[in-house]
Amino acid sequence: MRWIIPLFIYLLVEIYAYQAFRVAFKSKYLLYIYIFVSLCIIAFIVYGFNQPANKGTFTGIRAYSIGVFLSLMSLKLVLVFGMFAEDIYRFIQAIFSKISTSEEKFSLSSRRKFISQLALGIGAIPFFSLLYGMYKGKYNYKVLTYELTFEDLPKAFDGYTLTQISDVHSGSFDNAEKVTYGISLINEQQSDVVVFTGDLVNNTSEEMEGWKDAFGQIKAKDGVFSILGNHDYGDYFSWASKTEKQRNFNRLKEIQQEMGWRLLLDEHVSLQKGDDQIHLVGVENWGKGGFQQKGDLDQASKSLSEKDFKVLLSHDPSHWNEVTKNHPKNFQLTLSGHTHGMQFGIEIPGWFKFSPVQFRYPQWAGVYQENKRFLHVNRGFGFLAYPGRVGMWPEITVIKLRKT
């Protein structure tokens, strides 16, 4: 029964899409090709969706079937919007014609070829973009650099650099060469410290076993520090027992230690330069809207004062919006991830930035400032579910701290 409504919606979309192709291309042979290709794609999607998920992770054909489905639906939804809008216009036009000429029969005008072709042209943009995102976009690593200024930054840390990565989701990777290249970009930045802001895996620690040597190559003068994201707890996988789930969680923490990363679990560490110091504060996941709220900010910053300069690592940016930006301890800089920029969007640096994820998260990518406190939301290093990225490319962030 649960499939009836989705199936009905899908059939409705298919009917409108077919109408658009039929109007745009009068040749019956082109229509036959359209029907044949559509059936082949549907068969691939059904086959992919029925492949077993490896430890609950969408990889291989299963992942690409999701990507193909999203690509195809993006095209057809544009067609539906275009054709439905025209149908409303045709219906209103027919009503006015009937009212103005009572003797005339109520009839709808024919659909216009131009509207169908226009809808196809517009729909082709997200369709081919999503296909490109699977082919190239998911490993199109970008290094983004920012300079943030603070009145209370200790003088010795003026010019101090942090490299941030987030949301590795190692269970989704399918190209070791590309991932290794991304890791080399991280090291090329030669930052003073590297921080990772959560979601190392999709579901299980096993996903990271084949990648720990590669990510263990990440080095920085003052070390590599990490926190947990919502996916790191194993909450999205059906475990045989609580003991097995806990064992998986413990192993994930061990892997980070083996890589030389210092995992911060509601705690902080101090970074020293001469007589000055700043503090890295790391909390467990705290998210709004059904996500775990395990992070204890007060515990993590215990013994720190309002005047101490603090860099907070907190996976979900809703934590900053709900708690951190008004916290009396004054967390000058917060680094988050989680949103991935939805792996899809449009961005013209300094001018325009859009992704549907912004309707869910007020702070979703880039730098935000409020109450003299900064938040940076990293777009993520990896990808999840949809095996690609469009516009919101995988990100390596370099932040230079400056004293005003």
Protein backbone atom coordinates (compact mmCIF):
# COMPACT_ATOMS: atom_id res chain seq x y z
CA MET A 1 0.00 0.00 0.00
CA ARG A 2 2.83 2.43 0.79
CA TRP A 3 3.92 2.35 -2.88
CA ILE A 4 0.54 3.45 -4.27
CA ILE A 5 0.95 7.22 -3.82
CA PRO A 6 4.61 7.37 -5.03
CA LEU A 7 3.69 5.16 -8.00
CA PHE A 8 0.73 7.39 -8.85
CA ILE A 9 2.91 10.52 -8.70
CA TYR A 10 5.58 8.85 -10.84
CA LEU A 11 3.01 7.79 -13.47
CA LEU A 12 1.62 11.33 -13.53
CA VAL A 13 5.10 12.71 -14.12
CA GLU A 14 5.69 10.17 -16.89
CA ILE A 15 2.42 11.08 -18.63
CA TYR A 16 3.26 14.78 -18.66
CA ALA A 17 6.83 14.10 -19.79
CA TYR A 18 5.58 11.93 -22.64
CA GLN A 19 3.16 14.68 -23.70
CA ALA A 20 6.02 17.15 -23.82
CA PHE A 21 8.12 14.88 -26.04
CA ARG A 22 5.13 14.09 -28.26
CA VAL A 23 4.44 17.77 -28.87
CA ALA A 24 8.09 18.75 -29.30
CA PHE A 25 8.95 15.92 -31.70
CA LYS A 26 6.33 14.87 -34.19
CA SER A 27 8.34 11.90 -35.49
CA LYS A 28 6.93 8.62 -34.19
CA TYR A 29 10.39 7.03 -34.45
CA LEU A 30 11.80 9.58 -31.99
CA LEU A 31 8.91 8.80 -29.65
CA TYR A 32 9.70 5.09 -29.90
CA ILE A 33 13.32 5.85 -29.01
CA TYR A 34 12.16 7.97 -26.06
CA ILE A 35 9.92 5.16 -24.78
CA PHE A 36 12.68 2.55 -25.23
CA VAL A 37 15.29 4.68 -23.44
CA SER A 38 12.86 5.48 -20.61
CA LEU A 39 12.08 1.79 -20.10
CA CYS A 40 15.79 0.92 -20.06
CA ILE A 41 16.50 3.62 -17.49
CA ILE A 42 13.56 2.51 -15.34
CA ALA A 43 14.83 -1.09 -15.52
CA PHE A 44 18.31 0.06 -14.44
CA ILE A 45 16.86 2.06 -11.55
CA VAL A 46 14.70 -0.86 -10.37
CA TYR A 47 17.68 -3.23 -10.66
CA GLY A 48 19.98 -0.84 -8.77
CA PHE A 49 17.49 -0.15 -5.99
CA ASN A 50 17.14 -3.87 -5.42
CA GLN A 51 20.87 -4.49 -5.03
CA PRO A 52 21.91 -5.18 -1.44
CA ALA A 53 23.33 -2.22 0.45
CA ASN A 54 26.80 -2.92 1.82
CA LYS A 55 26.39 -2.37 5.57
CA GLY A 56 23.58 0.02 4.79
CA THR A 57 25.81 2.10 2.49
CA PHE A 58 24.73 3.15 -0.99
CA THR A 59 27.63 2.24 -3.27
CA GLY A 60 28.23 0.89 -6.77
CA ILE A 61 25.23 0.29 -9.00
CA ARG A 62 22.84 1.06 -6.14
CA ALA A 63 24.31 4.54 -5.72
CA TYR A 64 24.43 5.25 -9.44
CA SER A 65 20.82 4.15 -9.85
CA ILE A 66 19.93 6.87 -7.33
CA GLY A 67 21.95 9.38 -9.32
CA VAL A 68 20.33 8.39 -12.63
CA PHE A 69 16.88 8.53 -11.02
CA LEU A 70 17.52 12.05 -9.66
CA SER A 71 18.89 13.18 -13.03
CA LEU A 72 15.89 11.85 -14.93
CA MET A 73 13.37 13.19 -12.45
CA SER A 74 14.95 16.67 -12.53
CA LEU A 75 14.33 16.75 -16.28
CA LYS A 76 10.80 15.41 -16.09
CA LEU A 77 9.75 17.63 -13.19
CA VAL A 78 10.71 20.68 -15.24
CA LEU A 79 8.60 19.27 -18.06
CA VAL A 80 5.69 18.72 -15.68
CA PHE A 81 5.94 22.29 -14.41
CA GLY A 82 6.04 23.70 -17.95
CA MET A 83 3.22 21.55 -19.29
CA PHE A 84 1.01 22.00 -16.21
CA ALA A 85 1.47 25.78 -16.32
CA GLU A 86 0.45 25.75 -19.98
CA ASP A 87 -2.56 23.55 -19.19
CA ILE A 88 -3.75 26.08 -16.62
CA TYR A 89 -3.40 28.83 -19.21
CA ARG A 90 -5.27 26.76 -21.82
CA PHE A 91 -8.07 26.01 -19.36
CA ILE A 92 -8.50 29.68 -18.38
CA GLN A 93 -8.38 30.69 -22.05
CA ALA A 94 -11.10 28.14 -22.88
CA ILE A 95 -13.33 29.44 -20.07
CA PHE A 96 -13.03 33.04 -21.29
CA SER A 97 -13.75 31.93 -24.85
CA LYS A 98 -16.87 30.12 -23.69
CA ILE A 99 -18.05 33.11 -21.64
CA SER A 100 -17.44 35.65 -24.39
CA THR A 101 -19.07 33.50 -27.06
CA SER A 102 -21.89 31.49 -25.54
CA GLU A 103 -22.52 29.59 -28.73
CA GLU A 104 -18.97 28.31 -28.91
CA LYS A 105 -18.28 24.85 -27.44
CA PHE A 106 -15.89 24.57 -24.51
CA SER A 107 -12.59 23.29 -25.93
CA LEU A 108 -8.92 23.51 -25.05
CA SER A 109 -6.45 24.89 -27.55
CA SER A 110 -3.61 22.68 -28.72
CA ARG A 111 -0.39 22.61 -26.76
CA ARG A 112 2.31 24.78 -28.25
CA LYS A 113 5.48 23.17 -29.56
CA PHE A 114 7.54 26.13 -28.34
CA ILE A 115 6.56 25.55 -24.68
CA SER A 116 7.52 21.86 -24.86
CA GLN A 117 10.86 22.63 -26.47
CA LEU A 118 11.55 25.40 -23.95
CA ALA A 119 10.77 23.06 -21.04
CA LEU A 120 13.02 20.40 -22.54
CA GLY A 121 15.83 22.90 -22.93
CA ILE A 122 15.54 24.12 -19.35
CA GLY A 123 15.14 20.57 -17.99
CA ALA A 124 18.30 19.47 -19.80
CA ILE A 125 20.37 21.79 -17.58
CA PRO A 126 19.86 19.93 -14.25
CA PHE A 127 19.74 16.58 -16.10
CA PHE A 128 23.20 16.88 -17.65
CA SER A 129 24.55 18.72 -14.59
CA LEU A 130 23.64 15.80 -12.31
CA LEU A 131 25.20 13.33 -14.75
CA TYR A 132 28.37 15.46 -14.83
CA GLY A 133 28.31 15.60 -11.04
CA MET A 134 28.57 11.81 -10.93
CA TYR A 135 31.26 11.66 -13.61
CA LYS A 136 33.54 14.47 -12.46
CA GLY A 137 32.02 16.65 -9.76
CA LYS A 138 32.36 14.38 -6.73
CA TYR A 139 36.17 14.59 -6.79
CA ASN A 140 36.43 18.17 -8.04
CA TYR A 141 38.23 19.32 -4.88
CA LYS A 142 38.39 23.04 -4.21
CA VAL A 143 40.64 24.84 -1.73
CA LEU A 144 38.78 27.82 -0.27
CA THR A 145 40.70 30.37 1.79
CA TYR A 146 39.43 32.95 4.30
CA GLU A 147 41.00 35.57 6.56
CA LEU A 148 39.02 36.21 9.75
CA THR A 149 39.91 39.03 12.10
CA PHE A 150 39.41 39.11 15.87
CA GLU A 151 40.01 41.81 18.43
CA ASP A 152 40.87 39.32 21.17
CA LEU A 153 43.12 36.95 19.21
CA PRO A 154 46.41 36.49 21.14
CA LYS A 155 49.17 38.38 19.35
CA ALA A 156 51.37 35.31 18.83
CA PHE A 157 48.58 33.68 16.80
CA ASP A 158 48.24 36.51 14.29
CA GLY A 159 48.58 34.71 10.92
CA TYR A 160 47.89 31.26 12.39
CA THR A 161 46.29 28.90 9.84
CA LEU A 162 43.77 26.10 10.21
CA THR A 163 42.78 23.63 7.51
CA GLN A 164 39.29 22.22 7.92
CA ILE A 165 37.80 19.14 6.25
CA SER A 166 34.45 17.59 7.04
CA ASP A 167 32.04 14.82 6.05
CA VAL A 168 34.45 12.31 4.53
CA HIS A 169 31.80 9.55 4.25
CA SER A 170 34.49 7.04 3.32
CA GLY A 171 31.98 4.29 2.52
CA SER A 172 30.98 6.20 -0.62
CA PHE A 173 34.45 6.49 -2.18
CA ASP A 174 35.13 4.56 -5.39
CA ASN A 175 38.37 6.09 -6.68
CA ALA A 176 41.50 5.78 -4.54
CA GLU A 177 43.61 7.89 -6.88
CA LYS A 178 41.25 10.86 -6.68
CA VAL A 179 40.91 10.61 -2.89
CA THR A 180 44.69 10.46 -2.52
CA TYR A 181 44.93 13.60 -4.64
CA GLY A 182 42.47 15.33 -2.30
CA ILE A 183 44.56 14.33 0.71
CA SER A 184 47.70 15.68 -0.96
CA LEU A 185 45.91 19.02 -1.41
CA ILE A 186 45.24 19.10 2.33
CA ASN A 187 48.94 18.63 3.12
CA GLU A 188 49.99 21.16 0.46
CA GLN A 189 48.31 23.92 2.48
CA GLN A 190 50.94 23.43 5.23
CA SER A 191 48.58 24.81 7.86
CA ASP A 192 49.54 24.99 11.51
CA VAL A 193 46.70 22.65 12.47
CA VAL A 194 44.20 20.42 10.64
CA VAL A 195 40.69 19.83 11.99
CA PHE A 196 38.02 17.35 10.91
CA THR A 197 34.43 18.17 11.81
CA GLY A 198 32.65 14.82 11.71
CA ASP A 199 31.04 12.06 9.62
CA LEU A 200 34.07 9.93 8.87
CA VAL A 201 31.85 7.06 7.67
CA ASN A 202 28.32 6.48 6.44
CA ASN A 203 27.43 3.75 8.92
CA THR A 204 30.21 1.40 10.04
CA SER A 205 33.85 1.58 11.07
CA GLU A 206 34.60 -1.11 8.48
CA GLU A 207 34.21 1.52 5.74
CA MET A 208 37.32 3.29 7.02
CA GLU A 209 39.62 0.25 7.27
CA GLY A 210 40.81 0.55 3.66
CA TRP A 211 41.31 4.31 3.89
CA LYS A 212 43.01 4.80 7.25
CA ASP A 213 46.54 4.64 5.80
CA ALA A 214 45.69 7.31 3.24
CA PHE A 215 44.04 9.66 5.73
CA GLY A 216 46.78 8.89 8.23
CA GLN A 217 49.10 10.79 5.88
CA ILE A 218 47.44 14.08 6.83
CA LYS A 219 49.92 15.99 8.96
CA ALA A 220 50.22 19.41 10.58
CA LYS A 221 52.74 21.04 12.87
CA ASP A 222 50.30 21.29 15.79
CA GLY A 223 48.46 18.07 14.98
CA VAL A 224 45.20 16.78 13.52
CA PHE A 225 42.06 17.02 15.65
CA SER A 226 38.62 15.55 15.03
CA ILE A 227 35.07 15.26 16.33
CA LEU A 228 32.11 12.97 15.66
CA GLY A 229 29.21 13.58 13.29
CA ASN A 230 25.74 12.08 13.32
CA HIS A 231 26.75 9.22 10.97
CA ASP A 232 29.67 8.15 13.16
CA TYR A 233 27.46 6.65 15.87
CA GLY A 234 26.07 3.90 13.62
CA ASP A 235 22.49 5.05 14.16
CA TYR A 236 21.43 4.45 10.55
CA PHE A 237 22.23 0.75 10.45
CA SER A 238 20.33 -2.19 11.89
CA TRP A 239 22.70 -3.87 14.35
CA ALA A 240 22.26 -7.39 15.70
CA SER A 241 22.73 -6.09 19.24
CA LYS A 242 23.68 -3.02 21.26
CA THR A 243 26.99 -4.71 22.00
CA GLU A 244 27.81 -4.97 18.29
CA LYS A 245 26.91 -1.32 17.76
CA GLN A 246 29.12 -0.26 20.67
CA ARG A 247 31.97 -2.40 19.37
CA ASN A 248 31.68 -0.67 16.00
CA PHE A 249 31.72 2.74 17.68
CA ASN A 250 34.78 1.86 19.74
CA ARG A 251 36.57 0.66 16.63
CA LEU A 252 35.86 3.94 14.84
CA LYS A 253 37.49 5.83 17.70
CA GLU A 254 40.48 3.46 17.58
CA ILE A 255 40.92 4.06 13.86
CA GLN A 256 41.20 7.79 14.41
CA GLN A 257 43.86 7.18 17.04
CA GLU A 258 45.73 4.88 14.64
CA MET A 259 45.66 7.64 12.01
CA GLY A 260 47.26 10.02 14.48
CA TRP A 261 44.10 12.10 14.91
CA ARG A 262 43.13 13.39 18.33
CA LEU A 263 39.41 12.83 18.79
CA LEU A 264 37.81 15.45 21.04
CA LEU A 265 34.80 14.14 22.97
CA ASP A 266 33.28 17.09 24.84
CA GLU A 267 36.74 18.30 25.78
CA HIS A 268 39.34 20.86 24.77
CA VAL A 269 43.06 21.13 24.11
CA SER A 270 45.31 24.16 24.27
CA LEU A 271 47.67 25.23 21.49
CA GLN A 272 50.68 27.18 22.72
CA LYS A 273 52.87 29.78 21.02
CA GLY A 274 55.31 31.44 23.40
CA ASP A 275 53.31 32.82 26.30
CA ASP A 276 50.05 32.87 24.32
CA GLN A 277 47.54 30.14 23.72
CA ILE A 278 44.25 29.39 21.99
CA HIS A 279 41.93 26.50 22.72
CA LEU A 280 40.38 23.88 20.41
CA VAL A 281 37.03 22.79 21.84
CA GLY A 282 35.39 19.67 20.44
CA VAL A 283 31.83 18.52 21.15
CA GLU A 284 29.94 15.39 20.21
CA ASN A 285 27.12 15.73 17.71
CA TRP A 286 24.39 18.24 18.55
CA GLY A 287 21.72 18.73 15.92
CA LYS A 288 18.24 20.14 15.60
CA GLY A 289 15.34 18.34 13.93
CA GLY A 290 15.62 14.72 15.04
CA PHE A 291 19.42 14.47 15.27
CA GLN A 292 21.25 13.46 18.43
CA GLN A 293 21.98 16.22 20.90
CA LYS A 294 24.83 14.55 22.73
CA GLY A 295 27.27 17.44 22.69
CA ASP A 296 27.87 19.07 26.05
CA LEU A 297 29.33 22.51 25.38
CA ASP A 298 29.67 23.38 29.06
CA GLN A 299 31.59 20.20 29.78
CA ALA A 300 33.82 20.70 26.74
CA SER A 301 34.73 24.26 27.78
CA LYS A 302 35.04 23.54 31.48
CA SER A 303 37.80 25.66 33.06
CA LEU A 304 37.80 28.08 30.09
CA SER A 305 36.71 31.68 30.55
CA GLU A 306 34.92 34.18 28.35
CA LYS A 307 38.24 35.91 27.63
CA ASP A 308 40.01 32.78 26.37
CA PHE A 309 40.20 32.53 22.58
CA LYS A 310 38.32 29.42 21.49
CA VAL A 311 37.83 27.55 18.23
CA LEU A 312 34.85 25.23 18.56
CA LEU A 313 34.45 22.08 16.45
CA SER A 314 30.76 21.18 16.24
CA HIS A 315 29.48 19.04 13.37
CA ASP A 316 25.97 20.45 12.89
CA PRO A 317 25.65 24.23 12.24
CA SER A 318 22.24 24.26 13.94
CA HIS A 319 24.22 24.00 17.20
CA TRP A 320 25.73 27.42 16.50
CA ASN A 321 22.39 28.88 15.56
CA GLU A 322 20.56 27.48 18.59
CA VAL A 323 23.22 27.56 21.32
CA THR A 324 26.73 28.72 20.52
CA LYS A 325 26.30 32.17 19.04
CA ASN A 326 24.72 33.43 22.28
CA HIS A 327 26.68 31.33 24.75
CA PRO A 328 28.15 33.37 27.62
CA LYS A 329 31.57 31.73 27.21
CA ASN A 330 32.04 33.58 23.90
CA PHE A 331 33.14 31.03 21.28
CA GLN A 332 34.87 33.31 18.80
CA LEU A 333 35.02 30.81 15.91
CA THR A 334 32.95 27.69 15.25
CA LEU A 335 33.73 25.18 12.50
CA SER A 336 30.95 22.88 11.26
CA GLY A 337 29.94 20.69 8.31
CA HIS A 338 26.97 18.33 7.98
CA THR A 339 24.96 20.06 5.22
CA HIS A 340 27.21 19.12 2.23
CA GLY A 341 25.65 22.18 0.59
CA MET A 342 23.19 19.42 -0.40
CA GLN A 343 25.87 18.50 -2.99
CA PHE A 344 23.86 20.60 -5.42
CA GLY A 345 23.61 24.34 -5.92
CA ILE A 346 24.70 27.45 -7.76
CA GLU A 347 27.40 29.75 -6.48
CA ILE A 348 29.08 32.88 -7.81
CA PRO A 349 31.67 33.73 -5.11
CA GLY A 350 30.92 37.07 -3.51
CA TRP A 351 27.69 37.54 -5.45
CA PHE A 352 25.23 34.69 -5.29
CA LYS A 353 24.81 31.40 -3.48
CA PHE A 354 21.84 29.03 -3.63
CA SER A 355 21.05 25.46 -2.67
CA PRO A 356 17.72 23.92 -1.63
CA VAL A 357 19.38 23.00 1.69
CA GLN A 358 19.12 26.65 2.75
CA PHE A 359 15.41 26.10 3.38
CA ARG A 360 16.43 23.63 6.10
CA TYR A 361 19.57 25.30 7.50
CA PRO A 362 19.95 29.10 7.83
CA GLN A 363 23.74 28.61 7.90
CA TRP A 364 24.67 25.99 5.32
CA ALA A 365 27.92 26.86 3.49
CA GLY A 366 30.70 29.39 3.94
CA VAL A 367 31.31 32.04 6.60
CA TYR A 368 28.66 33.67 8.80
CA GLN A 369 29.05 36.31 11.51
CA GLU A 370 26.83 37.40 14.37
CA ASN A 371 27.56 39.01 17.73
CA LYS A 372 31.22 39.30 16.69
CA ARG A 373 31.34 35.50 16.46
CA PHE A 374 32.13 33.57 13.30
CA LEU A 375 30.81 30.29 11.95
CA HIS A 376 32.24 28.44 8.98
CA VAL A 377 30.24 25.60 7.40
CA ASN A 378 32.38 23.31 5.26
CA ARG A 379 30.68 21.80 2.19
CA GLY A 380 32.26 18.41 2.86
CA PHE A 381 35.10 16.32 1.45
CA GLY A 382 33.01 13.30 0.42
CA PHE A 383 29.48 12.57 -0.72
CA LEU A 384 26.47 10.56 0.40
CA ALA A 385 23.52 8.84 -1.39
CA TYR A 386 23.72 10.82 -4.65
CA PRO A 387 27.19 9.81 -5.91
CA GLY A 388 28.17 13.23 -7.18
CA ARG A 389 28.33 16.97 -6.67
CA VAL A 390 27.08 19.89 -8.75
CA GLY A 391 28.07 23.45 -7.89
CA MET A 392 28.78 22.56 -4.24
CA TRP A 393 32.17 21.00 -4.87
CA PRO A 394 34.13 18.97 -2.28
CA GLU A 395 35.90 21.45 -0.06
CA ILE A 396 39.19 21.93 1.73
CA THR A 397 39.03 25.10 3.81
CA VAL A 398 42.03 27.17 4.91
CA ILE A 399 41.30 29.83 7.55
CA LYS A 400 43.93 32.39 8.55
CA LEU A 401 43.40 34.06 11.92
CA ARG A 402 44.19 37.76 12.06
CA LYS A 403 44.34 40.19 14.96
CA THR A 404 42.81 43.63 14.45
